[in-house]
Amino acid sequence: MVDVLAVVPARGGSKGLPRKNIRSLQGHPLLAYSIAAGKQALRVSRTICSTDDLEIQQHALACGAEVPFLRPPSLAQDISPDLPLFLHALQWFDEHQHWKPEIVVHLRPTSPIRFSGQVDKAIELLLAYPEATSVRAVCPSPCTPYKMWRSGGQNQEGEAFMEPLLQLPGISEPFNHPRQKLPVIWWQTGGLDVIRVSTILGGSMTGKNVLPLITDQNYAVDIDGELGFQVAETLMQQLDCIRPKPHEMSN
């Protein structure tokens, strides 16, 4: 049996929506849905919350997650990347419990909509392809980058002209072509990443051989502000998605 660690990162600071990770969504703290996704997955060995915040720690424990350590404040800043906090967690388990999982599941609280069996499917997909370094949840992109532009050179008056963001070999001016004739582009939803520990220890959260877990773009929610929270709440009223079970919430 492969050891799999699910990590729910939930720092205390949030400027767009203060304290969003513990804000109530359908009667549960937001982070409870990601914790439930880890705990209900058959392939996941342990589900932890990595946080720098004592109040979030208490909420995560009440939701059934392990919180064996507090993340250093230096790894919980607005611009802190993911890699250092995952390296910190892996190092902590190695040094304090002599435990070395082989796979890590990244469950962001800000993407609470997941469905039964989805986490296990992603893990099994990674295990089925030894050359794969990670699996990332994606959906068809609502906008194609072949119709996007960036600022280019300037004219004599200093006005910036635009130039295409991407070129497409074999197609002149792809920005003027029907979308149906352009390559399918995937957008990472943020809902689920599954990564080999060897990939993380090698300095990457994805590696070079990334497999797609294709999901429905209608349920791709990334809560950053009030609107995203309202969208998630509306969708979850209609969906049979993963929710915290009563026995997963302690008193």
C-alpha atoms as a PDB file:
ATOM      1  CA  MET A   1       0.000   0.000   0.000  1.00  0.00           C
ATOM      2  CA  VAL A   2       1.408   3.364  -1.054  1.00  0.00           C
ATOM      3  CA  ASP A   3       1.538   6.023   1.679  1.00  0.00           C
ATOM      4  CA  VAL A   4      -0.355   9.122   0.573  1.00  0.00           C
ATOM      5  CA  LEU A   5      -0.404  12.433   2.430  1.00  0.00           C
ATOM      6  CA  ALA A   6      -3.219  14.902   1.772  1.00  0.00           C
ATOM      7  CA  VAL A   7      -2.337  18.501   2.625  1.00  0.00           C
ATOM      8  CA  VAL A   8      -4.872  21.280   3.103  1.00  0.00           C
ATOM      9  CA  PRO A   9      -2.927  24.577   3.210  1.00  0.00           C
ATOM     10  CA  ALA A  10      -4.817  27.272   5.115  1.00  0.00           C
ATOM     11  CA  ARG A  11      -2.902  30.332   6.221  1.00  0.00           C
ATOM     12  CA  GLY A  12      -4.400  32.962   8.475  1.00  0.00           C
ATOM     13  CA  GLY A  13      -3.847  36.006   6.298  1.00  0.00           C
ATOM     14  CA  SER A  14      -6.238  36.749   3.438  1.00  0.00           C
ATOM     15  CA  LYS A  15      -6.692  40.256   2.045  1.00  0.00           C
ATOM     16  CA  GLY A  16      -9.312  39.517  -0.603  1.00  0.00           C
ATOM     17  CA  LEU A  17     -11.702  37.830   1.837  1.00  0.00           C
ATOM     18  CA  PRO A  18     -10.457  38.039   5.451  1.00  0.00           C
ATOM     19  CA  ARG A  19     -10.489  34.736   7.391  1.00  0.00           C
ATOM     20  CA  LYS A  20     -11.983  33.007   4.366  1.00  0.00           C
ATOM     21  CA  ASN A  21     -10.569  29.588   5.225  1.00  0.00           C
ATOM     22  CA  ILE A  22     -12.817  29.344   8.291  1.00  0.00           C
ATOM     23  CA  ARG A  23     -15.788  31.306   6.967  1.00  0.00           C
ATOM     24  CA  SER A  24     -18.997  29.280   7.086  1.00  0.00           C
ATOM     25  CA  LEU A  25     -20.063  27.703   3.806  1.00  0.00           C
ATOM     26  CA  GLN A  26     -23.294  25.713   3.948  1.00  0.00           C
ATOM     27  CA  GLY A  27     -22.875  25.380   7.707  1.00  0.00           C
ATOM     28  CA  HIS A  28     -19.219  24.298   7.751  1.00  0.00           C
ATOM     29  CA  PRO A  29     -15.891  26.164   7.715  1.00  0.00           C
ATOM     30  CA  LEU A  30     -14.614  26.485   4.163  1.00  0.00           C
ATOM     31  CA  LEU A  31     -11.576  24.300   4.860  1.00  0.00           C
ATOM     32  CA  ALA A  32     -13.873  21.474   6.071  1.00  0.00           C
ATOM     33  CA  TYR A  33     -14.723  20.523   2.476  1.00  0.00           C
ATOM     34  CA  SER A  34     -11.088  19.984   1.512  1.00  0.00           C
ATOM     35  CA  ILE A  35     -10.435  18.058   4.717  1.00  0.00           C
ATOM     36  CA  ALA A  36     -13.467  15.882   3.968  1.00  0.00           C
ATOM     37  CA  ALA A  37     -12.162  15.199   0.444  1.00  0.00           C
ATOM     38  CA  GLY A  38      -8.918  13.894   1.925  1.00  0.00           C
ATOM     39  CA  LYS A  39     -10.501  11.882   4.707  1.00  0.00           C
ATOM     40  CA  GLN A  40     -13.107  10.254   2.467  1.00  0.00           C
ATOM     41  CA  ALA A  41     -10.550   9.142  -0.138  1.00  0.00           C
ATOM     42  CA  LEU A  42      -9.708   5.466   0.248  1.00  0.00           C
ATOM     43  CA  ARG A  43      -6.172   5.925  -1.078  1.00  0.00           C
ATOM     44  CA  VAL A  44      -5.227   8.728   1.333  1.00  0.00           C
ATOM     45  CA  SER A  45      -3.304   7.593   4.405  1.00  0.00           C
ATOM     46  CA  ARG A  46      -3.351  10.851   6.391  1.00  0.00           C
ATOM     47  CA  THR A  47      -4.970  14.268   5.974  1.00  0.00           C
ATOM     48  CA  ILE A  48      -3.310  17.294   7.532  1.00  0.00           C
ATOM     49  CA  CYS A  49      -3.852  21.032   7.594  1.00  0.00           C
ATOM     50  CA  SER A  50      -0.763  23.194   7.203  1.00  0.00           C
ATOM     51  CA  THR A  51      -1.455  26.525   8.884  1.00  0.00           C
ATOM     52  CA  ASP A  52       0.286  29.303  10.758  1.00  0.00           C
ATOM     53  CA  ASP A  53      -2.862  30.271  12.650  1.00  0.00           C
ATOM     54  CA  LEU A  54      -4.027  28.920  16.041  1.00  0.00           C
ATOM     55  CA  GLU A  55      -7.727  29.539  15.343  1.00  0.00           C
ATOM     56  CA  ILE A  56      -7.518  27.751  12.006  1.00  0.00           C
ATOM     57  CA  GLN A  57      -5.659  24.927  13.732  1.00  0.00           C
ATOM     58  CA  GLN A  58      -8.586  24.442  16.119  1.00  0.00           C
ATOM     59  CA  HIS A  59     -11.132  24.468  13.282  1.00  0.00           C
ATOM     60  CA  ALA A  60      -9.077  21.968  11.284  1.00  0.00           C
ATOM     61  CA  LEU A  61      -8.811  19.628  14.274  1.00  0.00           C
ATOM     62  CA  ALA A  62     -12.572  19.875  14.809  1.00  0.00           C
ATOM     63  CA  CYS A  63     -13.047  18.890  11.166  1.00  0.00           C
ATOM     64  CA  GLY A  64     -10.968  15.768  11.661  1.00  0.00           C
ATOM     65  CA  ALA A  65      -7.633  16.804  10.170  1.00  0.00           C
ATOM     66  CA  GLU A  66      -4.278  16.319  11.806  1.00  0.00           C
ATOM     67  CA  VAL A  67      -2.429  19.528  12.623  1.00  0.00           C
ATOM     68  CA  PRO A  68       0.858  18.209  14.027  1.00  0.00           C
ATOM     69  CA  PHE A  69       2.739  21.488  13.569  1.00  0.00           C
ATOM     70  CA  LEU A  70       2.260  25.178  12.881  1.00  0.00           C
ATOM     71  CA  ARG A  71       3.720  26.488   9.670  1.00  0.00           C
ATOM     72  CA  PRO A  72       6.428  29.142  10.114  1.00  0.00           C
ATOM     73  CA  PRO A  73       5.121  32.673   9.391  1.00  0.00           C
ATOM     74  CA  SER A  74       7.790  33.054   6.706  1.00  0.00           C
ATOM     75  CA  LEU A  75       5.956  30.362   4.701  1.00  0.00           C
ATOM     76  CA  ALA A  76       2.533  31.969   5.119  1.00  0.00           C
ATOM     77  CA  GLN A  77       2.898  35.325   3.389  1.00  0.00           C
ATOM     78  CA  ASP A  78       0.745  36.725   0.578  1.00  0.00           C
ATOM     79  CA  ILE A  79       3.346  35.788  -2.014  1.00  0.00           C
ATOM     80  CA  SER A  80       4.598  32.558  -0.427  1.00  0.00           C
ATOM     81  CA  PRO A  81       4.849  29.831  -3.099  1.00  0.00           C
ATOM     82  CA  ASP A  82       3.530  26.316  -2.536  1.00  0.00           C
ATOM     83  CA  LEU A  83       6.793  24.397  -2.790  1.00  0.00           C
ATOM     84  CA  PRO A  84       8.441  25.544   0.479  1.00  0.00           C
ATOM     85  CA  LEU A  85       5.405  24.730   2.626  1.00  0.00           C
ATOM     86  CA  PHE A  86       5.213  21.212   1.169  1.00  0.00           C
ATOM     87  CA  LEU A  87       8.930  20.701   1.689  1.00  0.00           C
ATOM     88  CA  HIS A  88       8.447  21.891   5.273  1.00  0.00           C
ATOM     89  CA  ALA A  89       5.668  19.353   5.875  1.00  0.00           C
ATOM     90  CA  LEU A  90       7.638  16.473   4.377  1.00  0.00           C
ATOM     91  CA  GLN A  91      10.736  17.399   6.379  1.00  0.00           C
ATOM     92  CA  TRP A  92       8.708  17.625   9.596  1.00  0.00           C
ATOM     93  CA  PHE A  93       7.264  14.130   9.154  1.00  0.00           C
ATOM     94  CA  ASP A  94      10.669  12.730   8.267  1.00  0.00           C
ATOM     95  CA  GLU A  95      12.392  14.296  11.281  1.00  0.00           C
ATOM     96  CA  HIS A  96       9.674  13.887  13.921  1.00  0.00           C
ATOM     97  CA  GLN A  97       7.809  10.723  12.936  1.00  0.00           C
ATOM     98  CA  HIS A  98      10.223   9.005  10.526  1.00  0.00           C
ATOM     99  CA  TRP A  99       7.405   8.809   7.999  1.00  0.00           C
ATOM    100  CA  LYS A 100       8.029   9.268   4.297  1.00  0.00           C
ATOM    101  CA  PRO A 101       4.930   9.251   2.092  1.00  0.00           C
ATOM    102  CA  GLU A 102       5.361   8.549  -1.605  1.00  0.00           C
ATOM    103  CA  ILE A 103       2.544  10.749  -2.894  1.00  0.00           C
ATOM    104  CA  VAL A 104       1.121  14.100  -1.807  1.00  0.00           C
ATOM    105  CA  VAL A 105      -2.388  15.352  -2.556  1.00  0.00           C
ATOM    106  CA  HIS A 106      -2.815  19.141  -2.616  1.00  0.00           C
ATOM    107  CA  LEU A 107      -6.350  20.156  -1.584  1.00  0.00           C
ATOM    108  CA  ARG A 108      -6.855  23.908  -1.644  1.00  0.00           C
ATOM    109  CA  PRO A 109      -9.670  25.175   0.611  1.00  0.00           C
ATOM    110  CA  THR A 110     -10.529  27.826  -1.975  1.00  0.00           C
ATOM    111  CA  SER A 111     -11.725  25.137  -4.411  1.00  0.00           C
ATOM    112  CA  PRO A 112     -14.286  23.298  -2.266  1.00  0.00           C
ATOM    113  CA  ILE A 113     -16.307  21.529  -4.967  1.00  0.00           C
ATOM    114  CA  ARG A 114     -15.104  17.968  -5.483  1.00  0.00           C
ATOM    115  CA  PHE A 115     -16.978  14.755  -6.131  1.00  0.00           C
ATOM    116  CA  SER A 116     -16.870  11.303  -4.598  1.00  0.00           C
ATOM    117  CA  GLY A 117     -14.049   9.166  -5.981  1.00  0.00           C
ATOM    118  CA  GLN A 118     -12.272  12.095  -7.642  1.00  0.00           C
ATOM    119  CA  VAL A 119      -9.247  12.109  -5.325  1.00  0.00           C
ATOM    120  CA  ASP A 120      -8.833   8.334  -5.575  1.00  0.00           C
ATOM    121  CA  LYS A 121      -9.131   8.504  -9.368  1.00  0.00           C
ATOM    122  CA  ALA A 122      -6.326  11.075  -9.537  1.00  0.00           C
ATOM    123  CA  ILE A 123      -4.072   8.994  -7.286  1.00  0.00           C
ATOM    124  CA  GLU A 124      -4.727   5.848  -9.300  1.00  0.00           C
ATOM    125  CA  LEU A 125      -4.006   7.739 -12.508  1.00  0.00           C
ATOM    126  CA  LEU A 126      -0.601   8.774 -11.196  1.00  0.00           C
ATOM    127  CA  LEU A 127       0.167   5.242 -10.003  1.00  0.00           C
ATOM    128  CA  ALA A 128      -0.803   3.781 -13.378  1.00  0.00           C
ATOM    129  CA  TYR A 129       1.908   5.772 -15.192  1.00  0.00           C
ATOM    130  CA  PRO A 130       5.336   5.433 -13.527  1.00  0.00           C
ATOM    131  CA  GLU A 131       6.815   8.120 -15.776  1.00  0.00           C
ATOM    132  CA  ALA A 132       4.204  10.675 -14.660  1.00  0.00           C
ATOM    133  CA  THR A 133       5.419  13.241 -12.144  1.00  0.00           C
ATOM    134  CA  SER A 134       2.013  14.633 -11.153  1.00  0.00           C
ATOM    135  CA  VAL A 135      -1.689  14.831 -11.950  1.00  0.00           C
ATOM    136  CA  ARG A 136      -3.494  18.161 -12.107  1.00  0.00           C
ATOM    137  CA  ALA A 137      -7.249  18.824 -12.283  1.00  0.00           C
ATOM    138  CA  VAL A 138      -8.083  20.780 -15.425  1.00  0.00           C
ATOM    139  CA  CYS A 139     -11.101  21.800 -17.461  1.00  0.00           C
ATOM    140  CA  PRO A 140     -11.507  23.302 -20.936  1.00  0.00           C
ATOM    141  CA  SER A 141     -10.368  26.910 -20.780  1.00  0.00           C
ATOM    142  CA  PRO A 142     -13.209  29.442 -21.068  1.00  0.00           C
ATOM    143  CA  CYS A 143     -10.859  31.670 -23.084  1.00  0.00           C
ATOM    144  CA  THR A 144      -8.218  30.599 -25.581  1.00  0.00           C
ATOM    145  CA  PRO A 145      -4.783  32.253 -25.247  1.00  0.00           C
ATOM    146  CA  TYR A 146      -4.526  32.268 -29.043  1.00  0.00           C
ATOM    147  CA  LYS A 147      -6.984  35.183 -29.006  1.00  0.00           C
ATOM    148  CA  MET A 148      -5.081  37.097 -26.322  1.00  0.00           C
ATOM    149  CA  TRP A 149      -2.732  40.039 -26.764  1.00  0.00           C
ATOM    150  CA  ARG A 150       0.116  41.711 -24.926  1.00  0.00           C
ATOM    151  CA  SER A 151       1.747  45.126 -25.141  1.00  0.00           C
ATOM    152  CA  GLY A 152       4.384  45.256 -27.852  1.00  0.00           C
ATOM    153  CA  GLY A 153       6.481  47.994 -29.387  1.00  0.00           C
ATOM    154  CA  GLN A 154       5.674  51.687 -29.249  1.00  0.00           C
ATOM    155  CA  ASN A 155       5.125  54.269 -31.960  1.00  0.00           C
ATOM    156  CA  GLN A 156       6.845  57.638 -32.069  1.00  0.00           C
ATOM    157  CA  GLU A 157       4.282  59.142 -29.709  1.00  0.00           C
ATOM    158  CA  GLY A 158       4.962  56.431 -27.115  1.00  0.00           C
ATOM    159  CA  GLU A 159       1.668  54.630 -27.656  1.00  0.00           C
ATOM    160  CA  ALA A 160       2.011  50.863 -27.179  1.00  0.00           C
ATOM    161  CA  PHE A 161       0.878  48.597 -29.988  1.00  0.00           C
ATOM    162  CA  MET A 162      -0.377  45.097 -29.281  1.00  0.00           C
ATOM    163  CA  GLU A 163       1.167  41.849 -30.409  1.00  0.00           C
ATOM    164  CA  PRO A 164      -0.311  38.336 -30.201  1.00  0.00           C
ATOM    165  CA  LEU A 165       0.381  36.475 -26.987  1.00  0.00           C
ATOM    166  CA  LEU A 166       0.974  33.212 -28.894  1.00  0.00           C
ATOM    167  CA  GLN A 167       1.783  32.155 -32.423  1.00  0.00           C
ATOM    168  CA  LEU A 168       0.488  28.916 -33.894  1.00  0.00           C
ATOM    169  CA  PRO A 169       2.643  27.063 -36.438  1.00  0.00           C
ATOM    170  CA  GLY A 170       0.726  26.416 -39.634  1.00  0.00           C
ATOM    171  CA  ILE A 171      -1.995  28.986 -38.903  1.00  0.00           C
ATOM    172  CA  SER A 172      -1.497  32.604 -39.830  1.00  0.00           C
ATOM    173  CA  GLU A 173      -3.198  35.034 -37.465  1.00  0.00           C
ATOM    174  CA  PRO A 174      -4.805  32.439 -35.145  1.00  0.00           C
ATOM    175  CA  PHE A 175      -6.556  35.305 -33.348  1.00  0.00           C
ATOM    176  CA  ASN A 176      -8.731  35.718 -36.455  1.00  0.00           C
ATOM    177  CA  HIS A 177      -9.623  32.009 -36.689  1.00  0.00           C
ATOM    178  CA  PRO A 178     -12.762  30.367 -35.281  1.00  0.00           C
ATOM    179  CA  ARG A 179     -12.186  28.993 -31.811  1.00  0.00           C
ATOM    180  CA  GLN A 180     -13.191  25.522 -33.063  1.00  0.00           C
ATOM    181  CA  LYS A 181     -10.125  25.440 -35.352  1.00  0.00           C
ATOM    182  CA  LEU A 182      -7.687  26.261 -32.554  1.00  0.00           C
ATOM    183  CA  PRO A 183      -6.071  23.701 -30.222  1.00  0.00           C
ATOM    184  CA  VAL A 184      -7.993  22.710 -27.096  1.00  0.00           C
ATOM    185  CA  ILE A 185      -6.488  24.463 -24.095  1.00  0.00           C
ATOM    186  CA  TRP A 186      -6.800  23.230 -20.518  1.00  0.00           C
ATOM    187  CA  TRP A 187      -7.154  25.539 -17.522  1.00  0.00           C
ATOM    188  CA  GLN A 188      -5.952  24.309 -14.132  1.00  0.00           C
ATOM    189  CA  THR A 189      -8.867  24.549 -11.716  1.00  0.00           C
ATOM    190  CA  GLY A 190      -6.904  24.459  -8.466  1.00  0.00           C
ATOM    191  CA  GLY A 191      -9.233  21.814  -7.056  1.00  0.00           C
ATOM    192  CA  LEU A 192      -6.845  18.905  -6.971  1.00  0.00           C
ATOM    193  CA  ASP A 193      -3.159  18.163  -7.531  1.00  0.00           C
ATOM    194  CA  VAL A 194      -1.494  14.807  -6.920  1.00  0.00           C
ATOM    195  CA  ILE A 195       2.302  14.868  -6.878  1.00  0.00           C
ATOM    196  CA  ARG A 196       5.025  12.316  -6.362  1.00  0.00           C
ATOM    197  CA  VAL A 197       7.142  13.185  -3.317  1.00  0.00           C
ATOM    198  CA  SER A 198      10.241  12.656  -5.462  1.00  0.00           C
ATOM    199  CA  THR A 199       8.979  15.470  -7.700  1.00  0.00           C
ATOM    200  CA  ILE A 200       8.596  17.834  -4.749  1.00  0.00           C
ATOM    201  CA  LEU A 201      11.976  16.923  -3.321  1.00  0.00           C
ATOM    202  CA  GLY A 202      13.385  17.583  -6.779  1.00  0.00           C
ATOM    203  CA  GLY A 203      12.198  21.185  -6.536  1.00  0.00           C
ATOM    204  CA  SER A 204       8.870  21.215  -8.391  1.00  0.00           C
ATOM    205  CA  MET A 205       5.162  20.993  -7.609  1.00  0.00           C
ATOM    206  CA  THR A 206       4.464  19.400 -10.991  1.00  0.00           C
ATOM    207  CA  GLY A 207       7.549  18.001 -12.675  1.00  0.00           C
ATOM    208  CA  LYS A 208       7.736  17.646 -16.438  1.00  0.00           C
ATOM    209  CA  ASN A 209       5.263  14.810 -17.041  1.00  0.00           C
ATOM    210  CA  VAL A 210       1.902  16.160 -15.871  1.00  0.00           C
ATOM    211  CA  LEU A 211      -1.254  14.123 -16.486  1.00  0.00           C
ATOM    212  CA  PRO A 212      -4.668  15.820 -16.761  1.00  0.00           C
ATOM    213  CA  LEU A 213      -7.640  14.928 -14.597  1.00  0.00           C
ATOM    214  CA  ILE A 214     -10.386  16.421 -16.744  1.00  0.00           C
ATOM    215  CA  THR A 215     -13.226  17.982 -14.766  1.00  0.00           C
ATOM    216  CA  ASP A 216     -16.417  19.908 -15.545  1.00  0.00           C
ATOM    217  CA  GLN A 217     -15.725  23.602 -16.082  1.00  0.00           C
ATOM    218  CA  ASN A 218     -19.169  24.466 -14.664  1.00  0.00           C
ATOM    219  CA  TYR A 219     -17.983  23.440 -11.208  1.00  0.00           C
ATOM    220  CA  ALA A 220     -14.511  24.994 -11.302  1.00  0.00           C
ATOM    221  CA  VAL A 221     -14.676  27.466  -8.411  1.00  0.00           C
ATOM    222  CA  ASP A 222     -11.716  29.389  -7.018  1.00  0.00           C
ATOM    223  CA  ILE A 223     -12.754  31.547  -4.070  1.00  0.00           C
ATOM    224  CA  ASP A 224     -10.741  34.733  -3.899  1.00  0.00           C
ATOM    225  CA  GLY A 225     -13.407  37.275  -2.983  1.00  0.00           C
ATOM    226  CA  GLU A 226     -17.053  37.689  -2.065  1.00  0.00           C
ATOM    227  CA  LEU A 227     -18.361  36.832  -5.533  1.00  0.00           C
ATOM    228  CA  GLY A 228     -16.480  33.540  -5.648  1.00  0.00           C
ATOM    229  CA  PHE A 229     -17.854  32.610  -2.246  1.00  0.00           C
ATOM    230  CA  GLN A 230     -21.413  33.335  -3.354  1.00  0.00           C
ATOM    231  CA  VAL A 231     -20.949  31.293  -6.542  1.00  0.00           C
ATOM    232  CA  ALA A 232     -19.661  28.330  -4.525  1.00  0.00           C
ATOM    233  CA  GLU A 233     -22.590  28.535  -2.128  1.00  0.00           C
ATOM    234  CA  THR A 234     -25.127  28.665  -4.960  1.00  0.00           C
ATOM    235  CA  LEU A 235     -23.578  25.728  -6.807  1.00  0.00           C
ATOM    236  CA  MET A 236     -23.276  23.574  -3.697  1.00  0.00           C
ATOM    237  CA  GLN A 237     -26.989  23.889  -3.053  1.00  0.00           C
ATOM    238  CA  GLN A 238     -27.559  22.009  -6.312  1.00  0.00           C
ATOM    239  CA  LEU A 239     -24.727  19.463  -6.290  1.00  0.00           C
ATOM    240  CA  ASP A 240     -24.090  16.123  -4.682  1.00  0.00           C
ATOM    241  CA  CYS A 241     -20.463  16.972  -3.960  1.00  0.00           C
ATOM    242  CA  ILE A 242     -18.198  15.930  -1.098  1.00  0.00           C
ATOM    243  CA  ARG A 243     -19.349  17.369   2.212  1.00  0.00           C
ATOM    244  CA  PRO A 244     -18.169  16.894   5.792  1.00  0.00           C
ATOM    245  CA  LYS A 245     -19.922  13.952   7.414  1.00  0.00           C
ATOM    246  CA  PRO A 246     -21.256  14.292  10.963  1.00  0.00           C
ATOM    247  CA  HIS A 247     -18.761  11.776  12.341  1.00  0.00           C
ATOM    248  CA  GLU A 248     -15.908  13.794  10.814  1.00  0.00           C
ATOM    249  CA  MET A 249     -16.779  16.840  12.911  1.00  0.00           C
ATOM    250  CA  SER A 250     -15.782  16.605  16.560  1.00  0.00           C
ATOM    251  CA  ASN A 251     -17.475  18.591  19.316  1.00  0.00           C
END
